[in-house]
PDB file of N, CA and C in Angstrom:
ATOM      1  N   MET A   1      15.784  -3.620  26.867  1.00  0.00           N
ATOM      2  CA  MET A   1      13.985  -3.651  26.121  1.00  0.00           C
ATOM      3  C   MET A   1      13.204  -4.447  27.099  1.00  0.00           C
ATOM      4  N   ALA A   2      12.070  -4.318  27.608  1.00  0.00           N
ATOM      5  CA  ALA A   2      10.833  -5.509  27.901  1.00  0.00           C
ATOM      6  C   ALA A   2      10.039  -5.554  26.488  1.00  0.00           C
ATOM      7  N   HIS A   3       9.872  -7.004  26.702  1.00  0.00           N
ATOM      8  CA  HIS A   3       8.943  -7.371  25.884  1.00  0.00           C
ATOM      9  C   HIS A   3       7.486  -7.164  26.327  1.00  0.00           C
ATOM     10  N   ASN A   4       6.508  -6.708  26.283  1.00  0.00           N
ATOM     11  CA  ASN A   4       4.878  -6.492  26.662  1.00  0.00           C
ATOM     12  C   ASN A   4       4.728  -7.688  25.982  1.00  0.00           C
ATOM     13  N   GLY A   5       4.791  -8.776  25.143  1.00  0.00           N
ATOM     14  CA  GLY A   5       4.049  -9.867  25.055  1.00  0.00           C
ATOM     15  C   GLY A   5       2.661  -9.672  23.896  1.00  0.00           C
ATOM     16  N   LYS A   6       2.422  -9.154  23.644  1.00  0.00           N
ATOM     17  CA  LYS A   6       1.528  -8.642  22.770  1.00  0.00           C
ATOM     18  C   LYS A   6       1.657  -9.045  21.210  1.00  0.00           C
ATOM     19  N   ARG A   7       0.682  -9.638  21.094  1.00  0.00           N
ATOM     20  CA  ARG A   7       0.035 -10.318  19.881  1.00  0.00           C
ATOM     21  C   ARG A   7      -0.746  -9.633  19.082  1.00  0.00           C
ATOM     22  N   TYR A   8      -0.556  -9.541  17.424  1.00  0.00           N
ATOM     23  CA  TYR A   8      -1.168  -9.248  16.772  1.00  0.00           C
ATOM     24  C   TYR A   8      -1.821 -10.063  15.788  1.00  0.00           C
ATOM     25  N   THR A   9      -2.797 -10.070  14.885  1.00  0.00           N
ATOM     26  CA  THR A   9      -3.069 -11.362  13.897  1.00  0.00           C
ATOM     27  C   THR A   9      -2.083 -10.461  12.734  1.00  0.00           C
ATOM     28  N   GLU A  10      -2.587 -11.783  11.832  1.00  0.00           N
ATOM     29  CA  GLU A  10      -1.714 -11.806  10.892  1.00  0.00           C
ATOM     30  C   GLU A  10      -2.880 -10.455   9.822  1.00  0.00           C
ATOM     31  N   GLU A  11      -4.109 -10.482   9.875  1.00  0.00           N
ATOM     32  CA  GLU A  11      -4.654  -9.634   9.339  1.00  0.00           C
ATOM     33  C   GLU A  11      -4.019  -7.772   9.805  1.00  0.00           C
ATOM     34  N   PHE A  12      -3.920  -7.934  10.652  1.00  0.00           N
ATOM     35  CA  PHE A  12      -3.940  -7.018  11.596  1.00  0.00           C
ATOM     36  C   PHE A  12      -2.629  -6.595  11.184  1.00  0.00           C
ATOM     37  N   LYS A  13      -1.477  -6.855  10.698  1.00  0.00           N
ATOM     38  CA  LYS A  13      -0.394  -6.340  10.283  1.00  0.00           C
ATOM     39  C   LYS A  13      -0.190  -6.776   8.742  1.00  0.00           C
ATOM     40  N   ARG A  14      -1.135  -6.805   8.049  1.00  0.00           N
ATOM     41  CA  ARG A  14      -1.205  -6.558   6.328  1.00  0.00           C
ATOM     42  C   ARG A  14      -1.828  -5.530   6.332  1.00  0.00           C
ATOM     43  N   GLN A  15      -2.893  -5.350   6.900  1.00  0.00           N
ATOM     44  CA  GLN A  15      -3.875  -4.211   7.244  1.00  0.00           C
ATOM     45  C   GLN A  15      -2.956  -2.625   7.549  1.00  0.00           C
ATOM     46  N   ILE A  16      -1.843  -3.066   8.026  1.00  0.00           N
ATOM     47  CA  ILE A  16      -0.745  -2.018   8.807  1.00  0.00           C
ATOM     48  C   ILE A  16      -0.041  -1.861   7.321  1.00  0.00           C
ATOM     49  N   ILE A  17       0.877  -2.674   6.820  1.00  0.00           N
ATOM     50  CA  ILE A  17       1.491  -2.360   5.593  1.00  0.00           C
ATOM     51  C   ILE A  17       0.702  -2.007   4.847  1.00  0.00           C
ATOM     52  N   ASP A  18      -0.139  -2.274   4.234  1.00  0.00           N
ATOM     53  CA  ASP A  18      -1.697  -1.454   3.352  1.00  0.00           C
ATOM     54  C   ASP A  18      -1.265   0.005   3.302  1.00  0.00           C
ATOM     55  N   LEU A  19      -2.004   0.373   5.021  1.00  0.00           N
ATOM     56  CA  LEU A  19      -1.978   1.803   4.970  1.00  0.00           C
ATOM     57  C   LEU A  19      -0.163   2.251   4.572  1.00  0.00           C
ATOM     58  N   TYR A  20       0.516   1.784   5.222  1.00  0.00           N
ATOM     59  CA  TYR A  20       1.663   2.013   4.563  1.00  0.00           C
ATOM     60  C   TYR A  20       2.048   2.309   3.310  1.00  0.00           C
ATOM     61  N   LEU A  21       1.928   1.584   2.572  1.00  0.00           N
ATOM     62  CA  LEU A  21       1.877   1.390   1.214  1.00  0.00           C
ATOM     63  C   LEU A  21       0.957   2.176   0.501  1.00  0.00           C
ATOM     64  N   ALA A  22      -0.110   2.432   1.466  1.00  0.00           N
ATOM     65  CA  ALA A  22      -1.089   3.862   0.410  1.00  0.00           C
ATOM     66  C   ALA A  22      -0.194   4.987   0.506  1.00  0.00           C
ATOM     67  N   GLY A  23       1.039   5.382   1.862  1.00  0.00           N
ATOM     68  CA  GLY A  23       1.715   6.312   2.009  1.00  0.00           C
ATOM     69  C   GLY A  23       1.569   7.057   3.265  1.00  0.00           C
ATOM     70  N   LYS A  24       1.078   6.415   4.425  1.00  0.00           N
ATOM     71  CA  LYS A  24       0.990   7.302   6.403  1.00  0.00           C
ATOM     72  C   LYS A  24       2.230   6.359   5.979  1.00  0.00           C
ATOM     73  N   PRO A  25       2.986   7.406   6.443  1.00  0.00           N
ATOM     74  CA  PRO A  25       4.301   7.163   7.366  1.00  0.00           C
ATOM     75  C   PRO A  25       4.331   5.944   8.669  1.00  0.00           C
ATOM     76  N   VAL A  26       5.290   5.865   9.232  1.00  0.00           N
ATOM     77  CA  VAL A  26       4.989   4.797  10.058  1.00  0.00           C
ATOM     78  C   VAL A  26       5.134   5.136  11.411  1.00  0.00           C
ATOM     79  N   ALA A  27       5.974   6.642  11.580  1.00  0.00           N
ATOM     80  CA  ALA A  27       5.550   7.296  12.389  1.00  0.00           C
ATOM     81  C   ALA A  27       3.906   7.921  12.818  1.00  0.00           C
ATOM     82  N   GLN A  28       3.649   8.283  12.225  1.00  0.00           N
ATOM     83  CA  GLN A  28       2.040   8.430  12.507  1.00  0.00           C
ATOM     84  C   GLN A  28       1.602   7.211  12.804  1.00  0.00           C
ATOM     85  N   LEU A  29       2.039   5.748  11.600  1.00  0.00           N
ATOM     86  CA  LEU A  29       1.295   4.633  11.628  1.00  0.00           C
ATOM     87  C   LEU A  29       1.437   4.328  13.813  1.00  0.00           C
ATOM     88  N   ALA A  30       2.508   4.022  14.110  1.00  0.00           N
ATOM     89  CA  ALA A  30       3.031   3.973  14.612  1.00  0.00           C
ATOM     90  C   ALA A  30       2.254   4.385  16.174  1.00  0.00           C
ATOM     91  N   GLU A  31       2.077   5.640  16.120  1.00  0.00           N
ATOM     92  CA  GLU A  31       0.948   6.446  17.315  1.00  0.00           C
ATOM     93  C   GLU A  31       0.275   6.539  17.207  1.00  0.00           C
ATOM     94  N   GLU A  32      -0.918   6.407  16.086  1.00  0.00           N
ATOM     95  CA  GLU A  32      -2.203   5.949  15.895  1.00  0.00           C
ATOM     96  C   GLU A  32      -2.716   4.465  15.900  1.00  0.00           C
ATOM     97  N   TYR A  33      -1.783   3.565  16.314  1.00  0.00           N
ATOM     98  CA  TYR A  33      -2.324   2.481  16.577  1.00  0.00           C
ATOM     99  C   TYR A  33      -1.340   1.699  17.480  1.00  0.00           C
ATOM    100  N   GLY A  34      -0.451   2.353  18.207  1.00  0.00           N
ATOM    101  CA  GLY A  34       0.105   2.158  19.779  1.00  0.00           C
ATOM    102  C   GLY A  34       0.601   0.625  19.035  1.00  0.00           C
ATOM    103  N   LEU A  35       2.213   1.010  18.385  1.00  0.00           N
ATOM    104  CA  LEU A  35       3.008   0.258  17.906  1.00  0.00           C
ATOM    105  C   LEU A  35       4.529   0.918  18.115  1.00  0.00           C
ATOM    106  N   VAL A  36       5.148   0.358  17.960  1.00  0.00           N
ATOM    107  CA  VAL A  36       6.656   1.339  18.108  1.00  0.00           C
ATOM    108  C   VAL A  36       7.283   0.980  16.195  1.00  0.00           C
ATOM    109  N   GLU A  37       7.865   1.387  16.355  1.00  0.00           N
ATOM    110  CA  GLU A  37       8.147   1.956  14.881  1.00  0.00           C
ATOM    111  C   GLU A  37       8.647   0.537  13.940  1.00  0.00           C
ATOM    112  N   GLN A  38       9.896   0.411  15.285  1.00  0.00           N
ATOM    113  CA  GLN A  38      10.910  -1.351  14.262  1.00  0.00           C
ATOM    114  C   GLN A  38      10.063  -2.365  14.425  1.00  0.00           C
ATOM    115  N   THR A  39       8.899  -2.133  14.873  1.00  0.00           N
ATOM    116  CA  THR A  39       8.251  -3.528  14.492  1.00  0.00           C
ATOM    117  C   THR A  39       6.781  -3.311  13.145  1.00  0.00           C
ATOM    118  N   ILE A  40       6.586  -2.362  12.925  1.00  0.00           N
ATOM    119  CA  ILE A  40       6.318  -1.809  11.676  1.00  0.00           C
ATOM    120  C   ILE A  40       7.133  -2.560  10.329  1.00  0.00           C
ATOM    121  N   TYR A  41       8.545  -1.573  10.629  1.00  0.00           N
ATOM    122  CA  TYR A  41       9.462  -2.031   9.529  1.00  0.00           C
ATOM    123  C   TYR A  41       9.908  -3.654  10.089  1.00  0.00           C
ATOM    124  N   LYS A  42       9.395  -4.500  10.477  1.00  0.00           N
ATOM    125  CA  LYS A  42       9.904  -5.792  10.377  1.00  0.00           C
ATOM    126  C   LYS A  42       8.715  -6.384   9.845  1.00  0.00           C
ATOM    127  N   TRP A  43       7.520  -5.702  10.334  1.00  0.00           N
ATOM    128  CA  TRP A  43       6.350  -6.550   9.432  1.00  0.00           C
ATOM    129  C   TRP A  43       6.449  -6.307   7.844  1.00  0.00           C
ATOM    130  N   LYS A  44       7.300  -5.014   7.543  1.00  0.00           N
ATOM    131  CA  LYS A  44       7.453  -4.663   5.936  1.00  0.00           C
ATOM    132  C   LYS A  44       8.318  -5.370   5.543  1.00  0.00           C
ATOM    133  N   LYS A  45       9.449  -5.889   6.227  1.00  0.00           N
ATOM    134  CA  LYS A  45       9.586  -6.928   5.303  1.00  0.00           C
ATOM    135  C   LYS A  45       9.900  -8.052   5.197  1.00  0.00           C
ATOM    136  N   LEU A  46       8.508  -8.813   6.345  1.00  0.00           N
ATOM    137  CA  LEU A  46       7.799  -9.247   5.796  1.00  0.00           C
ATOM    138  C   LEU A  46       6.210  -9.596   5.504  1.00  0.00           C
ATOM    139  N   TYR A  47       5.518  -8.876   4.720  1.00  0.00           N
ATOM    140  CA  TYR A  47       4.408  -8.492   4.316  1.00  0.00           C
ATOM    141  C   TYR A  47       4.566  -7.490   2.970  1.00  0.00           C
ATOM    142  N   ALA A  48       5.118  -6.821   3.100  1.00  0.00           N
ATOM    143  CA  ALA A  48       5.027  -5.400   1.703  1.00  0.00           C
ATOM    144  C   ALA A  48       6.013  -6.594   0.529  1.00  0.00           C
ATOM    145  N   PRO A  49       5.302  -6.357  -0.238  1.00  0.00           N
ATOM    146  CA  PRO A  49       5.516  -7.623  -2.021  1.00  0.00           C
ATOM    147  C   PRO A  49       6.923  -6.298  -2.437  1.00  0.00           C
ATOM    148  N   SER A  50       7.440  -7.559  -2.862  1.00  0.00           N
ATOM    149  CA  SER A  50       8.297  -7.292  -4.404  1.00  0.00           C
ATOM    150  C   SER A  50       8.606  -7.987  -5.119  1.00  0.00           C
ATOM    151  N   ILE A  51       8.231  -7.347  -5.962  1.00  0.00           N
ATOM    152  CA  ILE A  51       7.704  -8.172  -7.325  1.00  0.00           C
ATOM    153  C   ILE A  51       9.357  -8.463  -8.126  1.00  0.00           C
ATOM    154  N   LYS A  52       9.242  -9.431  -8.657  1.00  0.00           N
ATOM    155  CA  LYS A  52      10.236 -10.201  -9.523  1.00  0.00           C
ATOM    156  C   LYS A  52       9.666  -9.427 -10.489  1.00  0.00           C
ATOM    157  N   ILE A  53      11.518  -8.337 -11.183  1.00  0.00           N
ATOM    158  CA  ILE A  53      11.433  -8.383 -12.819  1.00  0.00           C
ATOM    159  C   ILE A  53      12.273  -9.195 -13.724  1.00  0.00           C
ATOM    160  N   GLU A  54      13.267  -9.556 -13.188  1.00  0.00           N
ATOM    161  CA  GLU A  54      14.320 -10.886 -13.460  1.00  0.00           C
ATOM    162  C   GLU A  54      14.582 -11.211 -12.701  1.00  0.00           C
ATOM    163  N   GLU A  55      15.423 -12.041 -13.226  1.00  0.00           N
ATOM    164  CA  GLU A  55      16.479 -13.240 -12.033  1.00  0.00           C
ATOM    165  C   GLU A  55      17.002 -12.762 -10.963  1.00  0.00           C
ATOM    166  N   ASN A  56      16.749 -12.334  -9.656  1.00  0.00           N
ATOM    167  CA  ASN A  56      17.700 -11.547  -8.871  1.00  0.00           C
ATOM    168  C   ASN A  56      17.534 -10.080  -8.798  1.00  0.00           C
ATOM    169  N   GLN A  57      16.142  -9.476  -9.100  1.00  0.00           N
ATOM    170  CA  GLN A  57      16.067  -8.134  -9.635  1.00  0.00           C
ATOM    171  C   GLN A  57      14.209  -7.936  -8.941  1.00  0.00           C
ATOM    172  N   SER A  58      14.378  -7.009  -8.128  1.00  0.00           N
ATOM    173  CA  SER A  58      13.106  -6.389  -7.833  1.00  0.00           C
ATOM    174  C   SER A  58      13.324  -5.004  -7.654  1.00  0.00           C
ATOM    175  N   VAL A  59      11.959  -4.690  -7.335  1.00  0.00           N
ATOM    176  CA  VAL A  59      11.247  -3.146  -7.442  1.00  0.00           C
ATOM    177  C   VAL A  59      11.183  -2.739  -5.845  1.00  0.00           C
ATOM    178  N   SER A  60      12.392  -1.820  -6.463  1.00  0.00           N
ATOM    179  CA  SER A  60      12.146  -1.462  -4.638  1.00  0.00           C
ATOM    180  C   SER A  60      10.862  -0.273  -4.100  1.00  0.00           C
ATOM    181  N   LEU A  61      10.590  -0.168  -2.608  1.00  0.00           N
ATOM    182  CA  LEU A  61       9.243  -0.291  -2.398  1.00  0.00           C
ATOM    183  C   LEU A  61       8.854   1.475  -2.610  1.00  0.00           C
ATOM    184  N   LYS A  62       9.399   1.981  -3.185  1.00  0.00           N
ATOM    185  CA  LYS A  62      10.085   3.702  -3.799  1.00  0.00           C
ATOM    186  C   LYS A  62       8.889   3.108  -4.511  1.00  0.00           C
ATOM    187  N   ASP A  63       9.069   2.949  -6.024  1.00  0.00           N
ATOM    188  CA  ASP A  63       8.830   2.075  -7.297  1.00  0.00           C
ATOM    189  C   ASP A  63       7.485   1.964  -7.108  1.00  0.00           C
ATOM    190  N   TYR A  64       7.805   0.827  -6.400  1.00  0.00           N
ATOM    191  CA  TYR A  64       6.227   0.064  -5.728  1.00  0.00           C
ATOM    192  C   TYR A  64       5.139   1.117  -5.793  1.00  0.00           C
ATOM    193  N   LYS A  65       5.573   1.949  -4.859  1.00  0.00           N
ATOM    194  CA  LYS A  65       4.658   2.841  -4.430  1.00  0.00           C
ATOM    195  C   LYS A  65       4.078   4.241  -5.382  1.00  0.00           C
ATOM    196  N   GLU A  66       4.951   4.593  -6.017  1.00  0.00           N
ATOM    197  CA  GLU A  66       4.923   5.451  -7.078  1.00  0.00           C
ATOM    198  C   GLU A  66       3.593   4.489  -8.449  1.00  0.00           C
ATOM    199  N   LEU A  67       4.526   3.231  -8.765  1.00  0.00           N
ATOM    200  CA  LEU A  67       3.387   2.583  -9.394  1.00  0.00           C
ATOM    201  C   LEU A  67       2.271   2.330  -9.092  1.00  0.00           C
ATOM    202  N   GLN A  68       1.634   1.912  -7.671  1.00  0.00           N
ATOM    203  CA  GLN A  68       0.306   1.683  -7.132  1.00  0.00           C
ATOM    204  C   GLN A  68      -0.293   3.392  -7.281  1.00  0.00           C
ATOM    205  N   LYS A  69       0.211   4.775  -7.505  1.00  0.00           N
ATOM    206  CA  LYS A  69      -0.423   5.348  -7.551  1.00  0.00           C
ATOM    207  C   LYS A  69      -0.977   5.778  -8.991  1.00  0.00           C
ATOM    208  N   LYS A  70       0.202   5.610  -9.677  1.00  0.00           N
ATOM    209  CA  LYS A  70      -0.105   5.789 -11.248  1.00  0.00           C
ATOM    210  C   LYS A  70      -1.270   4.760 -11.186  1.00  0.00           C
ATOM    211  N   VAL A  71      -1.538   3.568 -11.162  1.00  0.00           N
ATOM    212  CA  VAL A  71      -2.487   2.933 -11.271  1.00  0.00           C
ATOM    213  C   VAL A  71      -3.923   2.883 -10.437  1.00  0.00           C
ATOM    214  N   GLN A  72      -4.084   3.646  -9.796  1.00  0.00           N
ATOM    215  CA  GLN A  72      -4.861   4.409  -9.389  1.00  0.00           C
ATOM    216  C   GLN A  72      -5.541   5.567 -10.111  1.00  0.00           C
ATOM    217  N   GLN A  73      -4.669   6.484 -10.697  1.00  0.00           N
ATOM    218  CA  GLN A  73      -4.622   7.496 -11.268  1.00  0.00           C
ATOM    219  C   GLN A  73      -5.324   7.097 -12.909  1.00  0.00           C
ATOM    220  N   LEU A  74      -4.350   6.192 -12.825  1.00  0.00           N
ATOM    221  CA  LEU A  74      -5.379   5.852 -14.389  1.00  0.00           C
ATOM    222  C   LEU A  74      -6.868   4.968 -13.893  1.00  0.00           C
ATOM    223  N   GLU A  75      -6.844   4.489 -13.602  1.00  0.00           N
ATOM    224  CA  GLU A  75      -8.212   3.543 -13.044  1.00  0.00           C
ATOM    225  C   GLU A  75      -9.203   4.965 -13.068  1.00  0.00           C
ATOM    226  N   MET A  76      -9.089   5.929 -11.958  1.00  0.00           N
ATOM    227  CA  MET A  76      -9.578   6.855 -12.327  1.00  0.00           C
ATOM    228  C   MET A  76     -10.128   7.757 -13.267  1.00  0.00           C
ATOM    229  N   GLU A  77      -8.922   7.881 -13.960  1.00  0.00           N
ATOM    230  CA  GLU A  77      -9.023   8.458 -15.657  1.00  0.00           C
ATOM    231  C   GLU A  77     -10.274   7.226 -16.455  1.00  0.00           C
ATOM    232  N   ASN A  78     -10.049   6.229 -16.324  1.00  0.00           N
ATOM    233  CA  ASN A  78     -10.885   5.097 -16.857  1.00  0.00           C
ATOM    234  C   ASN A  78     -12.190   5.423 -16.328  1.00  0.00           C
ATOM    235  N   GLU A  79     -12.235   5.544 -15.509  1.00  0.00           N
ATOM    236  CA  GLU A  79     -13.838   5.606 -14.682  1.00  0.00           C
ATOM    237  C   GLU A  79     -14.134   6.894 -15.410  1.00  0.00           C
ATOM    238  N   ILE A  80     -13.925   8.191 -15.482  1.00  0.00           N
ATOM    239  CA  ILE A  80     -14.045   9.223 -16.228  1.00  0.00           C
ATOM    240  C   ILE A  80     -14.344   8.950 -17.374  1.00  0.00           C
ATOM    241  N   LEU A  81     -13.817   8.333 -18.475  1.00  0.00           N
ATOM    242  CA  LEU A  81     -13.586   8.021 -19.577  1.00  0.00           C
ATOM    243  C   LEU A  81     -15.470   7.732 -19.718  1.00  0.00           C
ATOM    244  N   LYS A  82     -15.229   6.333 -18.896  1.00  0.00           N
ATOM    245  CA  LYS A  82     -16.537   5.815 -19.580  1.00  0.00           C
ATOM    246  C   LYS A  82     -17.784   6.302 -19.209  1.00  0.00           C
ATOM    247  N   LYS A  83     -17.826   7.177 -18.046  1.00  0.00           N
ATOM    248  CA  LYS A  83     -18.716   7.782 -17.373  1.00  0.00           C
ATOM    249  C   LYS A  83     -18.769   9.171 -19.098  1.00  0.00           C
ATOM    250  N   ALA A  84     -17.857   9.052 -19.625  1.00  0.00           N
ATOM    251  CA  ALA A  84     -17.827  10.171 -20.817  1.00  0.00           C
ATOM    252  C   ALA A  84     -18.742   9.628 -21.594  1.00  0.00           C
ATOM    253  N   THR A  85     -17.684   8.537 -22.079  1.00  0.00           N
ATOM    254  CA  THR A  85     -18.636   7.674 -23.212  1.00  0.00           C
ATOM    255  C   THR A  85     -20.226   7.250 -23.117  1.00  0.00           C
ATOM    256  N   ALA A  86     -20.807   7.161 -22.099  1.00  0.00           N
ATOM    257  CA  ALA A  86     -21.642   6.652 -21.731  1.00  0.00           C
ATOM    258  C   ALA A  86     -22.888   8.122 -22.215  1.00  0.00           C
ATOM    259  N   ILE A  87     -22.599   9.653 -21.726  1.00  0.00           N
ATOM    260  CA  ILE A  87     -23.091  10.609 -21.916  1.00  0.00           C
ATOM    261  C   ILE A  87     -23.488  10.424 -22.731  1.00  0.00           C
ATOM    262  N   PHE A  88     -22.107  10.511 -24.009  1.00  0.00           N
ATOM    263  CA  PHE A  88     -22.177  10.923 -25.605  1.00  0.00           C
ATOM    264  C   PHE A  88     -23.051   9.862 -26.345  1.00  0.00           C
ATOM    265  N   ALA A  89     -23.205   9.137 -25.925  1.00  0.00           N
ATOM    266  CA  ALA A  89     -22.996   7.881 -26.177  1.00  0.00           C
ATOM    267  C   ALA A  89     -25.021   7.794 -26.399  1.00  0.00           C
ATOM    268  N   ARG A  90     -25.448   8.819 -25.232  1.00  0.00           N
ATOM    269  CA  ARG A  90     -27.445   8.979 -25.183  1.00  0.00           C
ATOM    270  C   ARG A  90     -27.577   9.657 -25.871  1.00  0.00           C
ATOM    271  N   LYS A  91     -26.650  11.004 -25.776  1.00  0.00           N
ATOM    272  CA  LYS A  91     -26.550  12.430 -27.097  1.00  0.00           C
ATOM    273  C   LYS A  91     -27.105  12.264 -28.244  1.00  0.00           C
ATOM    274  N   GLN A  92     -26.272  10.845 -28.655  1.00  0.00           N
ATOM    275  CA  GLN A  92     -26.724  10.913 -30.348  1.00  0.00           C
ATOM    276  C   GLN A  92     -27.741  10.176 -30.922  1.00  0.00           C
TER     277      GLN A  92
END
């Protein structure tokens, strides 16, 4: 296998992993950005968060993604409730 010598910044690598964590498939990222899938998997090991729960335990990437989606959903619901509260406060 030939090494093309292409170097990527840490910021670029983290952006790719952020897109992956947001739910974009590795194959799609590889195609869109001209990367080899194995490279993305290597970056995932380096940059994807692993949250410690207790000693020698961590959250799986799947669970992390699910928790991220839940946080986004709750933040959206929170914004809706804030707006609704403001509307009801003005009516009184």
